[in-house]
Amino acid sequence: MHSRRELTIIVARRYFGATKGNKSVILDEFCSNCNYERKYAIKLLRKTFLYPKKAGAGQRRSKGSKYLPIKRTMRTLWEVTDYPSGTRLHAVLPILVASGIKYGEINPNAKQLNLLGQISIATTDRMLKSEIRIRRRRINGQTKGGRLKYEIPFAIDCERVVVPGTLEIDLVVHCGESAMGEFINTLNSTDIVTGWYEAEAIMGKSQRAVDAALEQIARRLPFALAGIDSDNGTEFINWNLKRWADRRRITFTRSRPYKKNDNAHIEQKNFTHVRKVIGYMRLDTKAQQAMLNDLYRNELRLYINFFQPSQKLMKKERIGSRIKRVYDTPKTPYQRVLDSPDVPSHIKRKLKVQYKQLNVFAIKRSIDRKLKLIADTLRTPS
C-alpha cells in the first residue's frame, strides 16, 4: 500500500498535466499496475492531485503506543478471562491485576501498573484487535413440541422478573455430526436477574434425567429457586416436570414457539458457556458424562460466576433506520448477586469469603486440563 500511494502521487501529477490523448494511456498503465477500476482510479488521482497532503494519511504513525509495555500482560489477562470484549475485560481489569499480582501470575513494574490503571476501553479494544478471532457456528435444533402447552403460560404474558431465582433453561446436544443413538446433553441454566450460571450433563433427554439435573442445579444456587422458563421441547413440556414444579411451588413458564428472543439469556449462554468451551464433538459415554459434570460442578461455574462479566440490555430505541441499544455497566454474576437487595446478607458474606480464596489463573489452568482429558477420550478407543 505504501508503494501504491507513492505511485499515485507521481501519476497524479503526470495525469493532470498531460493532454487528453495521453491521459488515456497513463490511466491504462496506472490501472494495470495497481489493479484498479478506471472510475475508482480517476477519483483517486483527482483526490491525490487536489489534496496531496492527505495522500499518505492512511500510513501508520511511526511513534509506538505508550501502552506497548503492557500488551503482553493484557493478552494474559484476556486469555485467562476466556477472550471477552474490551468493555467486559476493562470492567474486571482491577480485579484481575490484583489477583495476578497476589498469586504471582503477573509481575508488572511501577510504570506498567500505572498504565494498567490508565488504559481505556477503546485502547483495550485496539490493543486486542489483532488477537480477536470470533467463530460462530449454528446447528440444527434437537427439540420438538409437547402437548401440555395449554397448562403452562407464556413467559411474556407474566409479570416482569425482578427478583433472583427464576432460571431460563435449555438443552445443548453433544451429538457431533449425527443425531443417531444416545448421547450426552447439557442442561443449561441462567438466572434472569443476576446471570448466575449452572449446568448439568445428562445422558439422553429423558424426563427423569431432566428432573434430576434440575434438582442438582437447585442445590448449587446461592438463592432459592423461584421459577423456570423453558422452550417448547418435550423434555420440558411434560407432566413430570410440571408436577416437579408444583411440588416445589415454583413458577413454570415457556417461550412462544419459534421466538428465540423469548429465551435470549440462555440462548447466548448456549454458545459462550457450552459450545465455545466444550465444542461440537460427540460425547456419548458415562465416563465423558462424569468428566463433564466434574467440570460443570466445580471450576467452570466458579470461573463464569466470579470472573466473567456480562452486560444487560437496558433499552432499545429506533433512530431512523437504525436501532440503538443501551447496555449497563459490565458486571459478573457474583457482583450482581451482591448488588441485589433480595439476596440474604448471610449468603453474600459466604460468597465474599469464597471469592477471596479463588485464584482465576489456577482455575483457568484446571479447566484447560480437564477439557484436554475429555478430548483425549475421543482419541482413545473405548
Protein backbone atom coordinates (compact mmCIF):
# COMPACT_ATOMS: atom_id res chain seq x y z
CA MET A 1 0.00 0.00 0.00
CA HIS A 2 2.90 2.35 0.71
CA SER A 3 4.24 1.77 -2.82
CA ARG A 4 0.79 2.34 -4.30
CA ARG A 5 0.48 5.68 -2.52
CA GLU A 6 3.88 6.80 -3.80
CA LEU A 7 2.95 5.75 -7.34
CA THR A 8 -0.42 7.52 -7.09
CA ILE A 9 1.25 10.82 -6.13
CA ILE A 10 3.64 10.61 -9.11
CA VAL A 11 0.97 9.52 -11.63
CA ALA A 12 -1.49 12.21 -10.45
CA ARG A 13 0.97 14.98 -11.42
CA ARG A 14 1.57 13.40 -14.86
CA TYR A 15 -2.13 12.68 -15.44
CA PHE A 16 -3.42 16.20 -14.84
CA GLY A 17 -0.52 17.74 -16.73
CA ALA A 18 -0.99 15.58 -19.83
CA THR A 19 -3.09 16.08 -22.93
CA LYS A 20 -6.44 14.32 -23.37
CA GLY A 21 -4.95 11.63 -25.62
CA ASN A 22 -2.07 10.87 -23.23
CA LYS A 23 -4.37 10.74 -20.20
CA SER A 24 -5.98 7.54 -21.51
CA VAL A 25 -2.56 5.88 -21.90
CA ILE A 26 -1.44 6.97 -18.40
CA LEU A 27 -4.72 5.77 -16.88
CA ASP A 28 -4.49 2.36 -18.59
CA GLU A 29 -0.94 1.93 -17.31
CA PHE A 30 -1.92 3.01 -13.77
CA CYS A 31 -4.92 0.62 -13.63
CA SER A 32 -2.79 -2.24 -14.92
CA ASN A 33 -0.06 -1.69 -12.30
CA CYS A 34 -2.39 -1.22 -9.32
CA ASN A 35 -5.30 -3.45 -10.44
CA TYR A 36 -7.80 -0.57 -10.03
CA GLU A 37 -11.09 0.03 -11.84
CA ARG A 38 -10.93 3.05 -14.17
CA LYS A 39 -13.59 5.12 -12.38
CA TYR A 40 -12.02 4.48 -9.00
CA ALA A 41 -8.55 5.32 -10.39
CA ILE A 42 -9.77 8.65 -11.80
CA LYS A 43 -11.34 9.64 -8.45
CA LEU A 44 -8.20 8.60 -6.59
CA LEU A 45 -5.90 10.57 -8.89
CA ARG A 46 -8.13 13.65 -8.66
CA LYS A 47 -8.23 13.46 -4.86
CA THR A 48 -4.46 12.97 -4.66
CA PHE A 49 -3.79 15.88 -7.05
CA LEU A 50 -6.10 18.29 -5.20
CA TYR A 51 -5.15 17.22 -1.66
CA PRO A 52 -1.55 15.92 -1.82
CA LYS A 53 -1.01 16.31 1.93
CA LYS A 54 -3.76 13.78 2.65
CA ALA A 55 -2.37 11.18 0.27
CA GLY A 56 -0.38 9.46 2.97
CA ALA A 57 -3.00 9.84 5.71
CA GLY A 58 -3.59 6.10 5.83
CA GLN A 59 0.01 5.37 6.82
CA ARG A 60 0.65 4.12 10.31
CA ARG A 61 2.15 6.51 12.77
CA SER A 62 5.83 5.96 13.34
CA LYS A 63 5.55 6.60 17.08
CA GLY A 64 4.56 3.49 19.02
CA SER A 65 1.74 3.46 21.55
CA LYS A 66 2.69 4.18 25.15
CA TYR A 67 0.70 1.07 26.14
CA LEU A 68 3.01 -1.36 24.31
CA PRO A 69 4.83 -2.35 27.56
CA ILE A 70 1.60 -3.85 28.95
CA LYS A 71 0.38 -5.57 25.76
CA ARG A 72 1.74 -8.95 26.88
CA THR A 73 0.13 -8.60 30.32
CA MET A 74 -3.18 -7.57 28.75
CA ARG A 75 -3.06 -10.62 26.48
CA THR A 76 -2.50 -12.85 29.52
CA LEU A 77 -5.48 -11.31 31.35
CA TRP A 78 -7.61 -11.54 28.20
CA GLU A 79 -6.80 -15.23 27.78
CA VAL A 80 -7.50 -16.11 31.41
CA THR A 81 -10.96 -14.49 31.17
CA ASP A 82 -11.74 -16.53 28.04
CA TYR A 83 -11.38 -13.77 25.43
CA PRO A 84 -14.11 -11.25 26.35
CA SER A 85 -14.73 -7.93 24.57
CA GLY A 86 -12.71 -4.88 25.57
CA THR A 87 -15.66 -3.47 27.52
CA ARG A 88 -16.10 -6.63 29.61
CA LEU A 89 -12.36 -7.08 30.15
CA HIS A 90 -11.99 -3.47 31.28
CA ALA A 91 -14.76 -3.99 33.88
CA VAL A 92 -12.78 -6.70 35.73
CA LEU A 93 -9.27 -5.44 34.99
CA PRO A 94 -8.59 -4.14 38.54
CA ILE A 95 -9.71 -7.49 39.99
CA LEU A 96 -7.55 -9.48 37.57
CA VAL A 97 -4.47 -7.32 38.16
CA ALA A 98 -4.81 -7.61 41.94
CA SER A 99 -5.34 -11.38 41.75
CA GLY A 100 -2.47 -11.85 39.28
CA ILE A 101 -0.03 -9.96 41.50
CA LYS A 102 -1.25 -11.75 44.62
CA TYR A 103 -0.68 -15.22 43.15
CA GLY A 104 2.47 -14.31 41.20
CA GLU A 105 0.91 -14.83 37.76
CA ILE A 106 1.90 -11.35 36.53
CA ASN A 107 4.71 -9.12 37.74
CA PRO A 108 4.25 -5.55 36.41
CA ASN A 109 6.66 -2.81 37.41
CA ALA A 110 5.50 0.57 38.70
CA LYS A 111 5.22 2.08 35.20
CA GLN A 112 3.25 -0.89 33.85
CA LEU A 113 0.97 -0.87 36.89
CA ASN A 114 0.24 2.79 36.26
CA LEU A 115 -0.56 2.08 32.59
CA LEU A 116 -2.90 -0.77 33.58
CA GLY A 117 -4.79 1.71 35.74
CA GLN A 118 -4.98 4.34 32.98
CA ILE A 119 -5.95 2.21 29.97
CA SER A 120 -9.37 2.97 28.49
CA ILE A 121 -11.96 0.68 26.92
CA ALA A 122 -11.18 1.98 23.41
CA THR A 123 -7.45 1.38 23.86
CA THR A 124 -8.16 -2.11 25.20
CA ASP A 125 -10.20 -2.88 22.07
CA ARG A 126 -7.46 -1.57 19.77
CA MET A 127 -4.76 -3.50 21.61
CA LEU A 128 -6.60 -6.81 21.34
CA LYS A 129 -7.96 -6.26 17.82
CA SER A 130 -5.29 -8.41 16.20
CA GLU A 131 -5.89 -11.19 18.75
CA ILE A 132 -9.65 -11.48 18.43
CA ARG A 133 -10.93 -14.41 16.41
CA ILE A 134 -14.67 -14.99 16.71
CA ARG A 135 -16.03 -18.28 15.45
CA ARG A 136 -19.73 -18.88 15.40
CA ARG A 137 -21.47 -21.98 14.20
CA ARG A 138 -25.11 -22.95 14.07
CA ILE A 139 -26.50 -26.41 14.50
CA ASN A 140 -29.96 -27.78 13.89
CA GLY A 141 -32.17 -27.80 16.96
CA GLN A 142 -32.96 -31.16 18.51
CA THR A 143 -36.12 -30.18 20.43
CA LYS A 144 -39.75 -30.78 19.44
CA GLY A 145 -43.01 -29.51 20.83
CA GLY A 146 -45.06 -31.21 23.52
CA ARG A 147 -48.81 -31.48 24.19
CA LEU A 148 -49.02 -29.85 27.61
CA LYS A 149 -48.65 -26.31 26.33
CA TYR A 150 -52.07 -25.07 27.37
CA GLU A 151 -51.21 -25.84 31.04
CA ILE A 152 -48.02 -23.75 31.01
CA PRO A 153 -48.33 -19.98 30.38
CA PHE A 154 -46.10 -17.90 28.11
CA ALA A 155 -43.39 -16.03 30.00
CA ILE A 156 -44.20 -12.89 28.00
CA ASP A 157 -47.75 -12.90 29.47
CA CYS A 158 -46.47 -13.00 33.06
CA GLU A 159 -45.10 -10.24 35.26
CA ARG A 160 -41.55 -9.00 34.66
CA VAL A 161 -38.97 -10.88 36.75
CA VAL A 162 -37.10 -8.56 39.16
CA VAL A 163 -36.12 -10.97 41.97
CA PRO A 164 -33.26 -13.52 41.61
CA GLY A 165 -34.31 -17.16 41.40
CA THR A 166 -36.02 -17.57 38.02
CA LEU A 167 -33.95 -19.69 35.62
CA GLU A 168 -34.09 -19.83 31.85
CA ILE A 169 -33.24 -23.42 30.90
CA ASP A 170 -32.32 -25.17 27.65
CA LEU A 171 -30.66 -28.34 26.37
CA VAL A 172 -27.46 -28.30 24.30
CA VAL A 173 -26.83 -31.51 22.39
CA HIS A 174 -23.41 -33.17 22.09
CA CYS A 175 -24.24 -35.42 19.14
CA GLY A 176 -21.45 -34.37 16.80
CA GLU A 177 -22.41 -34.79 13.14
CA SER A 178 -25.06 -37.46 13.77
CA ALA A 179 -28.14 -37.50 16.00
CA MET A 180 -28.34 -41.30 15.89
CA GLY A 181 -28.28 -43.26 19.16
CA GLU A 182 -27.99 -41.91 22.69
CA PHE A 183 -25.63 -39.07 23.52
CA ILE A 184 -24.95 -36.52 26.25
CA ASN A 185 -26.91 -33.27 26.57
CA THR A 186 -26.02 -30.27 28.69
CA LEU A 187 -28.89 -28.83 30.72
CA ASN A 188 -28.01 -25.14 30.63
CA SER A 189 -29.50 -22.65 33.09
CA THR A 190 -29.02 -18.99 33.91
CA ASP A 191 -30.76 -16.67 36.34
CA ILE A 192 -32.64 -13.90 34.51
CA VAL A 193 -31.82 -11.15 37.02
CA THR A 194 -28.22 -11.85 38.10
CA GLY A 195 -26.95 -14.04 35.25
CA TRP A 196 -25.84 -16.74 37.73
CA TYR A 197 -24.94 -19.83 35.69
CA GLU A 198 -25.28 -23.55 36.40
CA ALA A 199 -25.11 -26.57 34.11
CA GLU A 200 -25.50 -30.35 34.36
CA ALA A 201 -24.68 -33.11 31.87
CA ILE A 202 -27.35 -35.77 31.32
CA MET A 203 -27.49 -38.87 29.14
CA GLY A 204 -30.27 -38.59 26.59
CA LYS A 205 -33.37 -36.42 27.06
CA SER A 206 -35.47 -38.44 29.44
CA GLN A 207 -37.87 -36.64 31.74
CA ARG A 208 -36.36 -38.23 34.85
CA ALA A 209 -32.86 -37.15 33.84
CA VAL A 210 -34.02 -33.55 33.38
CA ASP A 211 -35.77 -33.60 36.79
CA ALA A 212 -32.65 -35.00 38.50
CA ALA A 213 -30.42 -32.41 36.81
CA LEU A 214 -32.67 -29.57 37.93
CA GLU A 215 -32.50 -30.90 41.50
CA GLN A 216 -28.70 -30.74 41.33
CA ILE A 217 -28.76 -27.22 39.92
CA ALA A 218 -31.25 -26.01 42.55
CA ARG A 219 -28.92 -27.21 45.35
CA ARG A 220 -25.98 -25.21 43.95
CA LEU A 221 -27.82 -21.90 43.52
CA PRO A 222 -26.87 -19.18 46.05
CA PHE A 223 -30.56 -18.24 46.30
CA ALA A 224 -33.87 -20.11 46.37
CA LEU A 225 -35.24 -21.40 43.08
CA ALA A 226 -38.41 -19.41 42.34
CA GLY A 227 -39.22 -20.38 38.76
CA ILE A 228 -38.12 -21.96 35.49
CA ASP A 229 -38.66 -20.79 31.92
CA SER A 230 -38.09 -23.24 29.05
CA ASP A 231 -38.67 -23.66 25.34
CA ASN A 232 -41.37 -25.98 23.93
CA GLY A 233 -39.36 -29.21 23.76
CA THR A 234 -40.98 -32.36 25.13
CA GLU A 235 -38.08 -32.81 27.56
CA PHE A 236 -39.50 -29.77 29.39
CA ILE A 237 -43.19 -29.65 28.45
CA ASN A 238 -44.31 -32.83 30.23
CA TRP A 239 -46.32 -33.83 33.29
CA ASN A 240 -43.21 -34.96 35.20
CA LEU A 241 -41.63 -31.50 35.16
CA LYS A 242 -44.99 -29.83 35.73
CA ARG A 243 -45.54 -31.92 38.88
CA TRP A 244 -41.94 -31.27 39.96
CA ALA A 245 -42.53 -27.51 39.70
CA ASP A 246 -45.87 -27.77 41.52
CA ARG A 247 -44.30 -29.73 44.39
CA ARG A 248 -41.67 -27.05 44.82
CA ARG A 249 -44.27 -24.29 44.39
CA ILE A 250 -42.24 -22.57 41.71
CA THR A 251 -43.43 -20.79 38.57
CA PHE A 252 -43.20 -22.73 35.31
CA THR A 253 -43.40 -20.71 32.08
CA ARG A 254 -42.41 -21.28 28.46
CA SER A 255 -41.40 -19.26 25.41
CA ARG A 256 -43.53 -18.73 22.33
CA PRO A 257 -42.86 -21.22 19.52
CA TYR A 258 -40.19 -20.07 17.05
CA LYS A 259 -39.42 -16.95 19.13
CA LYS A 260 -35.85 -17.45 20.33
CA ASN A 261 -35.66 -13.93 21.72
CA ASP A 262 -38.09 -15.03 24.44
CA ASN A 263 -35.16 -17.08 25.82
CA ALA A 264 -32.42 -14.66 24.86
CA HIS A 265 -30.50 -15.02 28.15
CA ILE A 266 -29.96 -18.78 27.85
CA GLU A 267 -29.61 -18.82 24.04
CA GLN A 268 -26.49 -16.64 24.43
CA LYS A 269 -25.08 -18.94 27.11
CA ASN A 270 -25.55 -21.97 24.86
CA PHE A 271 -22.73 -20.63 22.68
CA THR A 272 -20.48 -18.73 25.10
CA HIS A 273 -20.61 -21.22 28.00
CA VAL A 274 -21.04 -24.57 26.23
CA ARG A 275 -20.19 -24.52 22.52
CA LYS A 276 -17.23 -22.18 22.95
CA VAL A 277 -15.89 -24.28 25.84
CA ILE A 278 -16.86 -27.88 25.03
CA GLY A 279 -17.11 -27.60 21.24
CA TYR A 280 -19.20 -29.62 18.78
CA MET A 281 -17.72 -33.09 19.30
CA ARG A 282 -19.86 -36.16 20.01
CA LEU A 283 -19.92 -37.25 23.65
CA ASP A 284 -21.87 -40.43 24.43
CA THR A 285 -20.23 -42.40 27.26
CA LYS A 286 -20.85 -42.49 31.01
CA ALA A 287 -17.17 -41.62 31.62
CA GLN A 288 -17.48 -38.47 29.50
CA GLN A 289 -20.70 -37.51 31.32
CA ALA A 290 -18.91 -37.84 34.67
CA MET A 291 -16.00 -35.72 33.40
CA LEU A 292 -18.37 -33.02 32.12
CA ASN A 293 -20.24 -32.89 35.43
CA ASP A 294 -16.95 -32.67 37.31
CA LEU A 295 -16.16 -29.58 35.21
CA TYR A 296 -19.64 -28.04 35.44
CA ARG A 297 -19.98 -28.52 39.21
CA ASN A 298 -16.55 -27.15 40.11
CA GLU A 299 -14.16 -24.99 38.08
CA LEU A 300 -16.42 -23.84 35.23
CA ARG A 301 -19.22 -22.50 37.44
CA LEU A 302 -16.68 -20.65 39.64
CA TYR A 303 -14.88 -19.24 36.62
CA ILE A 304 -18.07 -17.96 34.93
CA ASN A 305 -19.92 -16.71 38.00
CA PHE A 306 -17.00 -14.98 39.72
CA PHE A 307 -14.78 -13.82 36.84
CA GLN A 308 -16.85 -13.50 33.63
CA PRO A 309 -18.61 -10.10 33.38
CA SER A 310 -21.62 -9.61 31.14
CA GLN A 311 -23.76 -6.67 30.05
CA LYS A 312 -27.53 -6.49 30.28
CA LEU A 313 -29.59 -4.72 27.64
CA MET A 314 -31.31 -1.77 29.31
CA LYS A 315 -33.31 -0.33 26.40
CA LYS A 316 -33.63 -0.12 22.61
CA GLU A 317 -34.66 2.90 20.61
CA ARG A 318 -35.09 3.36 16.87
CA ILE A 319 -33.25 6.27 15.25
CA GLY A 320 -34.34 6.40 11.62
CA SER A 321 -33.39 3.04 10.08
CA ARG A 322 -31.01 2.19 12.91
CA ILE A 323 -31.71 0.63 16.33
CA LYS A 324 -29.64 1.99 19.20
CA ARG A 325 -29.05 -0.42 22.09
CA VAL A 326 -28.07 0.81 25.54
CA TYR A 327 -26.32 -1.62 27.91
CA ASP A 328 -25.50 -1.38 31.61
CA THR A 329 -22.01 -1.50 33.15
CA PRO A 330 -20.38 -4.94 32.76
CA LYS A 331 -20.61 -6.98 35.98
CA THR A 332 -20.00 -10.59 36.94
CA PRO A 333 -22.94 -12.67 38.25
CA TYR A 334 -21.23 -12.58 41.67
CA GLN A 335 -21.27 -8.76 41.64
CA ARG A 336 -24.92 -8.71 40.59
CA VAL A 337 -25.82 -11.06 43.45
CA LEU A 338 -24.03 -8.75 45.90
CA ASP A 339 -25.90 -5.74 44.47
CA SER A 340 -29.30 -7.44 44.75
CA PRO A 341 -31.32 -6.38 47.84
CA ASP A 342 -33.33 -9.62 47.60
CA VAL A 343 -30.40 -11.94 48.41
CA PRO A 344 -29.92 -12.55 52.19
CA SER A 345 -26.85 -10.94 53.77
CA HIS A 346 -25.51 -14.25 55.13
CA ILE A 347 -25.42 -15.63 51.57
CA LYS A 348 -23.48 -12.57 50.43
CA ARG A 349 -20.96 -12.97 53.28
CA LYS A 350 -20.46 -16.62 52.33
CA LEU A 351 -19.84 -15.70 48.69
CA LYS A 352 -17.35 -12.99 49.67
CA VAL A 353 -15.34 -15.48 51.72
CA GLN A 354 -15.37 -17.95 48.83
CA TYR A 355 -14.33 -15.26 46.34
CA LYS A 356 -11.25 -14.28 48.37
CA GLN A 357 -9.98 -17.86 48.19
CA LEU A 358 -10.24 -18.16 44.40
CA ASN A 359 -7.28 -17.90 42.01
CA VAL A 360 -8.61 -17.26 38.49
CA PHE A 361 -5.31 -18.31 36.88
CA ALA A 362 -5.29 -21.69 38.63
CA ILE A 363 -8.99 -22.19 37.82
CA LYS A 364 -8.40 -21.49 34.11
CA ARG A 365 -5.48 -23.94 34.01
CA SER A 366 -7.63 -26.59 35.68
CA ILE A 367 -10.43 -26.03 33.13
CA ASP A 368 -7.99 -26.40 30.23
CA ARG A 369 -6.57 -29.58 31.77
CA LYS A 370 -10.00 -31.16 32.20
CA LEU A 371 -11.03 -30.19 28.67
CA LYS A 372 -7.89 -31.88 27.35
CA LEU A 373 -8.79 -35.05 29.26
CA ILE A 374 -12.28 -35.01 27.69
CA ALA A 375 -10.76 -34.52 24.23
CA ASP A 376 -8.34 -37.38 24.86
CA THR A 377 -11.28 -39.79 25.35
CA LEU A 378 -12.24 -39.18 21.71
CA ARG A 379 -8.87 -40.46 20.52
CA THR A 380 -8.75 -43.43 22.89
CA PRO A 381 -10.80 -46.49 21.84
CA SER A 382 -13.50 -47.23 24.46
